[in-house]
Amino acid sequence: MLESFDVWMVVLMGFSSLLYASVGHGGASGFIAVMALWSMPTNTMRVTALALNVMVSFISFGHYYMNKHFNWRQFYPFALASVPAAILGSTITLDPTFFKKSLGIVLLAPMIRLSFAVKQKSLNLAPATGMGRDVQEDDGGFRINFKTAVAIGGAIGFLSGLLGIGGGILLSPVILFFGWASVKETAAVTALFTFANSAVGLLTQLHRWKDFAFFPEETMLLFGVVLIGGWLGSWWGSGPAQEIWIKRALALVLGIASWKLITV
């Protein structure tokens, strides 16, 4: 039986899964932050977070896809370069201290954005033309600038592989900033993007760390709680959900995680 100390870790992981999945994220950055609080080894954190990320992002994408929020044209430009870049990034070994501090700094950007999120139909912050936008669509929206999206996808993919995350938490602010998709369309694209990067990152990590091990009881309980949290969060988020309160709650989680990772 798990000690109460470990039970709290599992509870926090489940809560992180629920929050992240509701906005199309896999939760790896949150999982890593929670595991860092328990001083788990870096290699264990990366592999475990990626495995959980694959599961949660797949469930999240399924819900958003079934609710017709996914558009292939909004996804594939980012994926073209992100997957090979994620493979490259995952082959690089980081010093544990540098790894934690780097992730903590990375988390500051989405934390700041979420802290100042406002309740509105569009979170578009880009000007009417340029800044990554291209030809205007019939519905008044804008097509993704292909070259810009490929470059962004490659950069985020490499960073994702390097840090052991799926990259969704970095991609979604970019899509919303450029006005390339609605909030829920962004979540759908982000979920599949996260799944693809996490899957290749996990396979690379498992190949490199053949001696990876986790306590069986912890694994089953952890995956079970995260699975439930991810299913509930993505079910709610992909439906007629008000997002402002959960964005601010997530900002708080990221702020605490960032502070912990940078100062440890």
C-alpha atoms as a PDB file:
ATOM      1  CA  MET A   1       0.000   0.000   0.000  1.00  0.00           C
ATOM      2  CA  LEU A   2       1.223   3.488  -0.845  1.00  0.00           C
ATOM      3  CA  GLU A   3       2.149   5.831   1.964  1.00  0.00           C
ATOM      4  CA  SER A   4      -0.004   8.960   2.380  1.00  0.00           C
ATOM      5  CA  PHE A   5       2.952  10.990   1.111  1.00  0.00           C
ATOM      6  CA  ASP A   6       2.770   9.110  -2.203  1.00  0.00           C
ATOM      7  CA  VAL A   7      -1.013   9.262  -2.309  1.00  0.00           C
ATOM      8  CA  TRP A   8      -0.818  13.049  -2.432  1.00  0.00           C
ATOM      9  CA  MET A   9       1.516  12.785  -5.407  1.00  0.00           C
ATOM     10  CA  VAL A  10      -1.005  10.591  -7.237  1.00  0.00           C
ATOM     11  CA  VAL A  11      -3.850  12.993  -6.376  1.00  0.00           C
ATOM     12  CA  LEU A  12      -1.889  15.969  -7.705  1.00  0.00           C
ATOM     13  CA  MET A  13      -1.040  14.045 -10.876  1.00  0.00           C
ATOM     14  CA  GLY A  14      -4.714  13.254 -11.423  1.00  0.00           C
ATOM     15  CA  PHE A  15      -5.687  16.888 -10.871  1.00  0.00           C
ATOM     16  CA  SER A  16      -2.998  18.022 -13.313  1.00  0.00           C
ATOM     17  CA  SER A  17      -4.289  15.535 -15.874  1.00  0.00           C
ATOM     18  CA  LEU A  18      -7.833  16.889 -15.540  1.00  0.00           C
ATOM     19  CA  LEU A  19      -6.727  20.512 -15.936  1.00  0.00           C
ATOM     20  CA  TYR A  20      -4.366  19.957 -18.835  1.00  0.00           C
ATOM     21  CA  ALA A  21      -6.642  17.601 -20.774  1.00  0.00           C
ATOM     22  CA  SER A  22      -9.490  20.109 -20.610  1.00  0.00           C
ATOM     23  CA  VAL A  23      -7.505  22.443 -22.868  1.00  0.00           C
ATOM     24  CA  GLY A  24      -5.969  19.755 -25.103  1.00  0.00           C
ATOM     25  CA  HIS A  25      -2.652  19.348 -23.293  1.00  0.00           C
ATOM     26  CA  GLY A  26      -1.078  16.085 -22.205  1.00  0.00           C
ATOM     27  CA  GLY A  27       0.176  17.352 -18.846  1.00  0.00           C
ATOM     28  CA  ALA A  28       3.849  16.333 -19.010  1.00  0.00           C
ATOM     29  CA  SER A  29       5.107  19.650 -17.654  1.00  0.00           C
ATOM     30  CA  GLY A  30       2.689  19.393 -14.743  1.00  0.00           C
ATOM     31  CA  PHE A  31       3.565  15.745 -14.122  1.00  0.00           C
ATOM     32  CA  ILE A  32       7.267  16.564 -14.093  1.00  0.00           C
ATOM     33  CA  ALA A  33       6.695  19.414 -11.667  1.00  0.00           C
ATOM     34  CA  VAL A  34       4.758  17.151  -9.284  1.00  0.00           C
ATOM     35  CA  MET A  35       7.370  14.398  -9.483  1.00  0.00           C
ATOM     36  CA  ALA A  36      10.087  16.993  -8.859  1.00  0.00           C
ATOM     37  CA  LEU A  37       8.395  17.833  -5.569  1.00  0.00           C
ATOM     38  CA  TRP A  38       9.026  14.207  -4.585  1.00  0.00           C
ATOM     39  CA  SER A  39      12.656  14.431  -5.821  1.00  0.00           C
ATOM     40  CA  MET A  40      12.284  11.617  -8.338  1.00  0.00           C
ATOM     41  CA  PRO A  41      15.275  10.861 -10.635  1.00  0.00           C
ATOM     42  CA  THR A  42      15.360  12.915 -13.845  1.00  0.00           C
ATOM     43  CA  ASN A  43      15.317   9.886 -16.144  1.00  0.00           C
ATOM     44  CA  THR A  44      12.319   8.428 -14.323  1.00  0.00           C
ATOM     45  CA  MET A  45      10.499  11.756 -14.547  1.00  0.00           C
ATOM     46  CA  ARG A  46      11.051  12.072 -18.299  1.00  0.00           C
ATOM     47  CA  VAL A  47       9.941   8.542 -19.183  1.00  0.00           C
ATOM     48  CA  THR A  48       6.963   8.515 -16.816  1.00  0.00           C
ATOM     49  CA  ALA A  49       5.789  11.976 -17.902  1.00  0.00           C
ATOM     50  CA  LEU A  50       6.001  11.037 -21.576  1.00  0.00           C
ATOM     51  CA  ALA A  51       4.094   7.787 -21.044  1.00  0.00           C
ATOM     52  CA  LEU A  52       1.324   9.617 -19.194  1.00  0.00           C
ATOM     53  CA  ASN A  53       1.397  12.367 -21.806  1.00  0.00           C
ATOM     54  CA  VAL A  54       0.798   9.874 -24.623  1.00  0.00           C
ATOM     55  CA  MET A  55      -2.234   8.474 -22.835  1.00  0.00           C
ATOM     56  CA  VAL A  56      -3.806  11.787 -21.810  1.00  0.00           C
ATOM     57  CA  SER A  57      -3.243  13.556 -25.137  1.00  0.00           C
ATOM     58  CA  PHE A  58      -4.730  10.612 -27.053  1.00  0.00           C
ATOM     59  CA  ILE A  59      -7.858  10.684 -24.889  1.00  0.00           C
ATOM     60  CA  SER A  60      -8.087  14.467 -25.191  1.00  0.00           C
ATOM     61  CA  PHE A  61      -7.758  14.373 -28.958  1.00  0.00           C
ATOM     62  CA  GLY A  62     -10.457  11.714 -29.169  1.00  0.00           C
ATOM     63  CA  HIS A  63     -12.957  13.909 -27.336  1.00  0.00           C
ATOM     64  CA  TYR A  64     -12.166  17.031 -29.339  1.00  0.00           C
ATOM     65  CA  TYR A  65     -12.253  15.075 -32.592  1.00  0.00           C
ATOM     66  CA  MET A  66     -15.630  13.513 -31.809  1.00  0.00           C
ATOM     67  CA  ASN A  67     -16.990  16.976 -31.040  1.00  0.00           C
ATOM     68  CA  LYS A  68     -15.802  18.125 -34.508  1.00  0.00           C
ATOM     69  CA  HIS A  69     -13.200  20.640 -33.365  1.00  0.00           C
ATOM     70  CA  PHE A  70     -10.304  19.129 -35.365  1.00  0.00           C
ATOM     71  CA  ASN A  71      -9.149  20.509 -38.721  1.00  0.00           C
ATOM     72  CA  TRP A  72      -6.353  18.663 -40.498  1.00  0.00           C
ATOM     73  CA  ARG A  73      -5.183  21.815 -42.288  1.00  0.00           C
ATOM     74  CA  GLN A  74      -4.532  23.439 -38.934  1.00  0.00           C
ATOM     75  CA  PHE A  75      -2.437  20.496 -37.761  1.00  0.00           C
ATOM     76  CA  TYR A  76      -0.151  19.071 -40.419  1.00  0.00           C
ATOM     77  CA  PRO A  77       2.102  22.144 -40.993  1.00  0.00           C
ATOM     78  CA  PHE A  78       3.205  21.987 -37.361  1.00  0.00           C
ATOM     79  CA  ALA A  79       3.671  18.207 -37.389  1.00  0.00           C
ATOM     80  CA  LEU A  80       5.915  18.024 -40.477  1.00  0.00           C
ATOM     81  CA  ALA A  81       9.036  19.253 -38.696  1.00  0.00           C
ATOM     82  CA  SER A  82       8.060  18.671 -35.074  1.00  0.00           C
ATOM     83  CA  VAL A  83       8.279  14.868 -35.060  1.00  0.00           C
ATOM     84  CA  PRO A  84      11.838  14.554 -36.485  1.00  0.00           C
ATOM     85  CA  ALA A  85      12.917  17.516 -34.354  1.00  0.00           C
ATOM     86  CA  ALA A  86      11.475  15.831 -31.251  1.00  0.00           C
ATOM     87  CA  ILE A  87      13.468  12.691 -32.037  1.00  0.00           C
ATOM     88  CA  LEU A  88      16.635  14.763 -32.307  1.00  0.00           C
ATOM     89  CA  GLY A  89      15.930  16.644 -29.099  1.00  0.00           C
ATOM     90  CA  SER A  90      15.194  13.472 -27.149  1.00  0.00           C
ATOM     91  CA  THR A  91      18.656  12.068 -27.945  1.00  0.00           C
ATOM     92  CA  ILE A  92      20.347  14.889 -26.039  1.00  0.00           C
ATOM     93  CA  THR A  93      21.121  14.288 -22.373  1.00  0.00           C
ATOM     94  CA  LEU A  94      20.775  17.300 -20.089  1.00  0.00           C
ATOM     95  CA  ASP A  95      22.291  17.910 -16.698  1.00  0.00           C
ATOM     96  CA  PRO A  96      19.462  17.291 -14.162  1.00  0.00           C
ATOM     97  CA  THR A  97      19.756  20.766 -12.631  1.00  0.00           C
ATOM     98  CA  PHE A  98      19.821  22.461 -16.026  1.00  0.00           C
ATOM     99  CA  PHE A  99      16.872  20.297 -17.125  1.00  0.00           C
ATOM    100  CA  LYS A 100      14.695  21.408 -14.198  1.00  0.00           C
ATOM    101  CA  LYS A 101      15.606  25.082 -14.445  1.00  0.00           C
ATOM    102  CA  SER A 102      15.081  25.114 -18.217  1.00  0.00           C
ATOM    103  CA  LEU A 103      11.612  23.648 -17.881  1.00  0.00           C
ATOM    104  CA  GLY A 104      10.800  26.092 -15.092  1.00  0.00           C
ATOM    105  CA  ILE A 105      11.725  29.029 -17.323  1.00  0.00           C
ATOM    106  CA  VAL A 106       9.737  27.559 -20.232  1.00  0.00           C
ATOM    107  CA  LEU A 107       6.639  27.342 -18.027  1.00  0.00           C
ATOM    108  CA  LEU A 108       6.732  31.078 -17.297  1.00  0.00           C
ATOM    109  CA  ALA A 109       5.460  32.062 -20.750  1.00  0.00           C
ATOM    110  CA  PRO A 110       2.160  30.138 -20.745  1.00  0.00           C
ATOM    111  CA  MET A 111       1.720  30.920 -17.047  1.00  0.00           C
ATOM    112  CA  ILE A 112       1.827  34.659 -17.753  1.00  0.00           C
ATOM    113  CA  ARG A 113      -0.543  34.302 -20.714  1.00  0.00           C
ATOM    114  CA  LEU A 114      -3.043  32.289 -18.716  1.00  0.00           C
ATOM    115  CA  SER A 115      -2.836  34.697 -15.779  1.00  0.00           C
ATOM    116  CA  PHE A 116      -4.130  37.509 -17.969  1.00  0.00           C
ATOM    117  CA  ALA A 117      -6.635  35.436 -19.952  1.00  0.00           C
ATOM    118  CA  VAL A 118      -9.953  37.195 -20.413  1.00  0.00           C
ATOM    119  CA  LYS A 119     -13.365  35.799 -21.180  1.00  0.00           C
ATOM    120  CA  GLN A 120     -13.915  36.388 -24.866  1.00  0.00           C
ATOM    121  CA  LYS A 121     -14.748  34.428 -28.004  1.00  0.00           C
ATOM    122  CA  SER A 122     -11.354  35.004 -29.592  1.00  0.00           C
ATOM    123  CA  LEU A 123      -7.960  35.257 -27.941  1.00  0.00           C
ATOM    124  CA  ASN A 124      -6.435  36.576 -31.167  1.00  0.00           C
ATOM    125  CA  LEU A 125      -3.724  39.134 -30.382  1.00  0.00           C
ATOM    126  CA  ALA A 126      -2.162  39.453 -33.821  1.00  0.00           C
ATOM    127  CA  PRO A 127      -2.689  42.362 -36.203  1.00  0.00           C
ATOM    128  CA  ALA A 128      -5.083  42.001 -39.134  1.00  0.00           C
ATOM    129  CA  THR A 129      -2.374  41.091 -41.633  1.00  0.00           C
ATOM    130  CA  GLY A 130       1.111  39.604 -41.501  1.00  0.00           C
ATOM    131  CA  MET A 131       2.526  38.082 -38.309  1.00  0.00           C
ATOM    132  CA  GLY A 132       2.154  34.563 -39.708  1.00  0.00           C
ATOM    133  CA  ARG A 133      -1.255  35.022 -41.304  1.00  0.00           C
ATOM    134  CA  ASP A 134      -1.882  34.282 -44.962  1.00  0.00           C
ATOM    135  CA  VAL A 135      -4.896  34.283 -47.297  1.00  0.00           C
ATOM    136  CA  GLN A 136      -8.298  35.186 -45.889  1.00  0.00           C
ATOM    137  CA  GLU A 137     -10.879  32.396 -45.807  1.00  0.00           C
ATOM    138  CA  ASP A 138     -14.546  32.643 -46.764  1.00  0.00           C
ATOM    139  CA  ASP A 139     -15.586  32.536 -43.110  1.00  0.00           C
ATOM    140  CA  GLY A 140     -13.443  35.538 -42.225  1.00  0.00           C
ATOM    141  CA  GLY A 141     -10.685  33.508 -40.598  1.00  0.00           C
ATOM    142  CA  PHE A 142      -7.148  33.115 -41.831  1.00  0.00           C
ATOM    143  CA  ARG A 143      -5.195  30.220 -43.211  1.00  0.00           C
ATOM    144  CA  ILE A 144      -2.012  29.242 -41.435  1.00  0.00           C
ATOM    145  CA  ASN A 145       1.163  30.556 -43.027  1.00  0.00           C
ATOM    146  CA  PHE A 146       2.771  27.248 -44.035  1.00  0.00           C
ATOM    147  CA  LYS A 147       6.452  28.196 -43.744  1.00  0.00           C
ATOM    148  CA  THR A 148       5.955  29.950 -40.430  1.00  0.00           C
ATOM    149  CA  ALA A 149       4.010  27.005 -39.010  1.00  0.00           C
ATOM    150  CA  VAL A 150       6.645  24.472 -40.111  1.00  0.00           C
ATOM    151  CA  ALA A 151       9.414  26.520 -38.487  1.00  0.00           C
ATOM    152  CA  ILE A 152       7.432  26.925 -35.272  1.00  0.00           C
ATOM    153  CA  GLY A 153       6.560  23.223 -35.201  1.00  0.00           C
ATOM    154  CA  GLY A 154      10.199  22.246 -35.638  1.00  0.00           C
ATOM    155  CA  ALA A 155      11.399  24.559 -32.876  1.00  0.00           C
ATOM    156  CA  ILE A 156       8.734  23.398 -30.421  1.00  0.00           C
ATOM    157  CA  GLY A 157       9.315  19.751 -31.376  1.00  0.00           C
ATOM    158  CA  PHE A 158      13.032  20.010 -30.643  1.00  0.00           C
ATOM    159  CA  LEU A 159      12.415  21.715 -27.306  1.00  0.00           C
ATOM    160  CA  SER A 160       9.776  19.110 -26.468  1.00  0.00           C
ATOM    161  CA  GLY A 161      12.160  16.231 -27.092  1.00  0.00           C
ATOM    162  CA  LEU A 162      14.899  17.985 -25.152  1.00  0.00           C
ATOM    163  CA  LEU A 163      12.751  18.612 -22.070  1.00  0.00           C
ATOM    164  CA  GLY A 164      10.634  15.447 -22.198  1.00  0.00           C
ATOM    165  CA  ILE A 165       7.276  17.159 -22.796  1.00  0.00           C
ATOM    166  CA  GLY A 166       4.756  17.010 -25.634  1.00  0.00           C
ATOM    167  CA  GLY A 167       4.983  20.675 -26.567  1.00  0.00           C
ATOM    168  CA  GLY A 168       1.283  21.436 -26.441  1.00  0.00           C
ATOM    169  CA  ILE A 169       1.735  23.971 -23.674  1.00  0.00           C
ATOM    170  CA  LEU A 170       4.097  25.873 -25.993  1.00  0.00           C
ATOM    171  CA  LEU A 171       2.088  25.475 -29.206  1.00  0.00           C
ATOM    172  CA  SER A 172      -1.341  26.582 -28.026  1.00  0.00           C
ATOM    173  CA  PRO A 173      -0.298  30.147 -27.047  1.00  0.00           C
ATOM    174  CA  VAL A 174       1.326  30.545 -30.480  1.00  0.00           C
ATOM    175  CA  ILE A 175      -1.774  29.414 -32.388  1.00  0.00           C
ATOM    176  CA  LEU A 176      -4.011  31.684 -30.328  1.00  0.00           C
ATOM    177  CA  PHE A 177      -1.644  34.634 -30.681  1.00  0.00           C
ATOM    178  CA  PHE A 178      -1.606  34.411 -34.468  1.00  0.00           C
ATOM    179  CA  GLY A 179      -5.363  33.864 -34.593  1.00  0.00           C
ATOM    180  CA  TRP A 180      -4.983  30.640 -36.558  1.00  0.00           C
ATOM    181  CA  ALA A 181      -7.791  28.787 -34.778  1.00  0.00           C
ATOM    182  CA  SER A 182     -10.494  29.102 -32.146  1.00  0.00           C
ATOM    183  CA  VAL A 183      -9.812  28.015 -28.575  1.00  0.00           C
ATOM    184  CA  LYS A 184     -11.319  24.552 -29.026  1.00  0.00           C
ATOM    185  CA  GLU A 185      -9.793  24.061 -32.481  1.00  0.00           C
ATOM    186  CA  THR A 186      -6.467  24.959 -30.895  1.00  0.00           C
ATOM    187  CA  ALA A 187      -7.034  22.345 -28.200  1.00  0.00           C
ATOM    188  CA  ALA A 188      -7.737  19.679 -30.829  1.00  0.00           C
ATOM    189  CA  VAL A 189      -4.590  20.502 -32.813  1.00  0.00           C
ATOM    190  CA  THR A 190      -2.529  20.714 -29.641  1.00  0.00           C
ATOM    191  CA  ALA A 191      -3.722  17.330 -28.395  1.00  0.00           C
ATOM    192  CA  LEU A 192      -2.664  15.466 -31.549  1.00  0.00           C
ATOM    193  CA  PHE A 193       0.587  17.456 -31.742  1.00  0.00           C
ATOM    194  CA  THR A 194       1.344  16.495 -28.151  1.00  0.00           C
ATOM    195  CA  PHE A 195       0.523  12.842 -28.788  1.00  0.00           C
ATOM    196  CA  ALA A 196       2.853  12.631 -31.806  1.00  0.00           C
ATOM    197  CA  ASN A 197       5.810  14.319 -30.094  1.00  0.00           C
ATOM    198  CA  SER A 198       5.333  12.392 -26.857  1.00  0.00           C
ATOM    199  CA  ALA A 199       5.125   9.049 -28.639  1.00  0.00           C
ATOM    200  CA  VAL A 200       8.404   9.484 -30.516  1.00  0.00           C
ATOM    201  CA  GLY A 201      10.055  10.943 -27.424  1.00  0.00           C
ATOM    202  CA  LEU A 202       8.907   8.014 -25.287  1.00  0.00           C
ATOM    203  CA  LEU A 203      10.166   5.428 -27.768  1.00  0.00           C
ATOM    204  CA  THR A 204      13.544   7.151 -27.908  1.00  0.00           C
ATOM    205  CA  GLN A 205      13.805   7.350 -24.130  1.00  0.00           C
ATOM    206  CA  LEU A 206      12.828   3.695 -23.625  1.00  0.00           C
ATOM    207  CA  HIS A 207      15.448   2.647 -26.161  1.00  0.00           C
ATOM    208  CA  ARG A 208      18.110   4.650 -24.336  1.00  0.00           C
ATOM    209  CA  TRP A 209      17.108   3.745 -20.764  1.00  0.00           C
ATOM    210  CA  LYS A 210      16.566   0.001 -20.918  1.00  0.00           C
ATOM    211  CA  ASP A 211      17.026  -0.240 -17.153  1.00  0.00           C
ATOM    212  CA  PHE A 212      14.096   2.097 -16.470  1.00  0.00           C
ATOM    213  CA  ALA A 213      11.874   0.811 -13.689  1.00  0.00           C
ATOM    214  CA  PHE A 214       8.932   2.034 -11.665  1.00  0.00           C
ATOM    215  CA  PHE A 215       7.201   0.379  -8.715  1.00  0.00           C
ATOM    216  CA  PRO A 216       4.357  -1.746 -10.188  1.00  0.00           C
ATOM    217  CA  GLU A 217       1.789  -0.637  -7.618  1.00  0.00           C
ATOM    218  CA  GLU A 218       2.586   3.022  -8.156  1.00  0.00           C
ATOM    219  CA  THR A 219       2.453   2.572 -11.908  1.00  0.00           C
ATOM    220  CA  MET A 220      -1.012   1.020 -11.936  1.00  0.00           C
ATOM    221  CA  LEU A 221      -2.489   3.512  -9.486  1.00  0.00           C
ATOM    222  CA  LEU A 222      -0.808   6.485 -11.128  1.00  0.00           C
ATOM    223  CA  PHE A 223      -1.895   5.571 -14.646  1.00  0.00           C
ATOM    224  CA  GLY A 224      -5.407   4.789 -13.464  1.00  0.00           C
ATOM    225  CA  VAL A 225      -5.901   8.128 -11.702  1.00  0.00           C
ATOM    226  CA  VAL A 226      -4.351  10.086 -14.571  1.00  0.00           C
ATOM    227  CA  LEU A 227      -6.535   8.201 -17.059  1.00  0.00           C
ATOM    228  CA  ILE A 228      -9.711   9.166 -15.177  1.00  0.00           C
ATOM    229  CA  GLY A 229      -8.570  12.771 -14.803  1.00  0.00           C
ATOM    230  CA  GLY A 230      -7.700  13.035 -18.495  1.00  0.00           C
ATOM    231  CA  TRP A 231     -11.009  11.537 -19.605  1.00  0.00           C
ATOM    232  CA  LEU A 232     -13.088  13.823 -17.384  1.00  0.00           C
ATOM    233  CA  GLY A 233     -11.114  16.947 -18.252  1.00  0.00           C
ATOM    234  CA  SER A 234     -11.178  16.460 -22.010  1.00  0.00           C
ATOM    235  CA  TRP A 235     -14.848  15.435 -21.971  1.00  0.00           C
ATOM    236  CA  TRP A 236     -15.701  18.683 -20.195  1.00  0.00           C
ATOM    237  CA  GLY A 237     -13.342  20.891 -22.172  1.00  0.00           C
ATOM    238  CA  SER A 238     -14.432  19.651 -25.588  1.00  0.00           C
ATOM    239  CA  GLY A 239     -18.081  20.285 -24.712  1.00  0.00           C
ATOM    240  CA  PRO A 240     -19.862  23.580 -23.965  1.00  0.00           C
ATOM    241  CA  ALA A 241     -17.399  24.509 -21.214  1.00  0.00           C
ATOM    242  CA  GLN A 242     -16.509  27.931 -19.862  1.00  0.00           C
ATOM    243  CA  GLU A 243     -12.716  28.021 -19.898  1.00  0.00           C
ATOM    244  CA  ILE A 244     -11.680  31.156 -18.042  1.00  0.00           C
ATOM    245  CA  TRP A 245     -11.597  29.701 -14.526  1.00  0.00           C
ATOM    246  CA  ILE A 246      -9.656  26.611 -15.528  1.00  0.00           C
ATOM    247  CA  LYS A 247      -7.120  28.715 -17.453  1.00  0.00           C
ATOM    248  CA  ARG A 248      -6.463  30.747 -14.316  1.00  0.00           C
ATOM    249  CA  ALA A 249      -6.266  27.625 -12.170  1.00  0.00           C
ATOM    250  CA  LEU A 250      -3.767  26.194 -14.615  1.00  0.00           C
ATOM    251  CA  ALA A 251      -1.785  29.428 -14.471  1.00  0.00           C
ATOM    252  CA  LEU A 252      -1.509  28.968 -10.702  1.00  0.00           C
ATOM    253  CA  VAL A 253      -0.306  25.382 -11.129  1.00  0.00           C
ATOM    254  CA  LEU A 254       2.285  26.459 -13.685  1.00  0.00           C
ATOM    255  CA  GLY A 255       3.445  29.335 -11.499  1.00  0.00           C
ATOM    256  CA  ILE A 256       4.035  27.053  -8.522  1.00  0.00           C
ATOM    257  CA  ALA A 257       5.706  24.430 -10.729  1.00  0.00           C
ATOM    258  CA  SER A 258       7.943  27.010 -12.392  1.00  0.00           C
ATOM    259  CA  TRP A 259       9.029  28.459  -9.047  1.00  0.00           C
ATOM    260  CA  LYS A 260       9.773  25.008  -7.634  1.00  0.00           C
ATOM    261  CA  LEU A 261      11.779  23.855 -10.662  1.00  0.00           C
ATOM    262  CA  ILE A 262      13.836  27.039 -10.933  1.00  0.00           C
ATOM    263  CA  THR A 263      14.649  27.290  -7.226  1.00  0.00           C
ATOM    264  CA  VAL A 264      15.351  23.581  -6.505  1.00  0.00           C
END
